Amino acid sequence: MTQAIWEQALHNPDPDKRKLFDALHTYVLDKRQEEIINEKKVCNLIWTNKRNIL
């Protein structure tokens, strides 16, 4: 999905649409980064709890 959005941001003939797709691409990347960070936090929390139990 992000590849298609990025292609539109680069190659769309309408400059306003390019800006829109660029903003959308940035938003999608930011949300994905948040998901990854939250997943790591959960994994670290689980790992810490397992170590404390053992």
Protein backbone atom coordinates (compact mmCIF):
# COMPACT_ATOMS: atom_id res chain seq x y z
CA MET A 1 0.00 0.00 0.00
CA THR A 2 2.68 2.50 0.91
CA GLN A 3 4.48 1.82 -2.38
CA ALA A 4 1.38 2.77 -4.39
CA ILE A 5 0.90 5.94 -2.35
CA TRP A 6 4.57 6.82 -2.80
CA GLU A 7 4.31 6.30 -6.57
CA GLN A 8 1.36 8.70 -6.67
CA ALA A 9 3.27 11.23 -4.58
CA LEU A 10 6.13 11.10 -7.06
CA HIS A 11 4.40 10.77 -10.41
CA ASN A 12 0.91 12.23 -10.23
CA PRO A 13 0.62 15.06 -12.77
CA ASP A 14 -1.50 17.20 -10.42
CA PRO A 15 0.76 19.02 -7.91
CA ASP A 16 -2.04 19.26 -5.33
CA LYS A 17 -2.61 15.51 -5.50
CA ARG A 18 1.15 14.92 -5.16
CA LYS A 19 1.10 16.96 -1.94
CA LEU A 20 -1.93 15.02 -0.73
CA PHE A 21 -0.32 11.64 -1.46
CA ASP A 22 2.94 12.77 0.12
CA ALA A 23 1.09 13.77 3.30
CA LEU A 24 -0.83 10.47 3.27
CA HIS A 25 2.39 8.51 2.80
CA THR A 26 4.00 10.32 5.73
CA TYR A 27 0.92 9.64 7.89
CA VAL A 28 0.95 5.92 7.04
CA LEU A 29 4.66 5.65 7.83
CA ASP A 30 4.19 7.47 11.14
CA LYS A 31 1.34 5.13 12.13
CA ARG A 32 3.40 2.07 11.22
CA GLN A 33 6.30 3.39 13.28
CA GLU A 34 3.96 3.87 16.26
CA GLU A 35 2.76 0.27 15.88
CA ILE A 36 6.33 -1.04 15.84
CA ILE A 37 7.29 0.99 18.91
CA ASN A 38 4.20 -0.21 20.79
CA GLU A 39 4.90 -3.84 19.83
CA LYS A 40 8.43 -3.50 21.18
CA LYS A 41 7.13 -1.98 24.41
CA VAL A 42 4.74 -4.90 24.87
CA CYS A 43 7.47 -7.44 24.11
CA ASN A 44 9.83 -5.76 26.58
CA LEU A 45 7.12 -5.70 29.23
CA ILE A 46 6.40 -9.41 28.73
CA TRP A 47 10.11 -10.25 28.79
CA THR A 48 10.63 -8.23 32.00
CA ASN A 49 7.67 -9.91 33.68
CA LYS A 50 8.91 -13.38 32.70
CA ARG A 51 12.35 -12.64 34.12
CA ASN A 52 10.84 -11.37 37.38
CA ILE A 53 8.76 -14.52 37.75
CA LEU A 54 11.73 -16.82 37.21
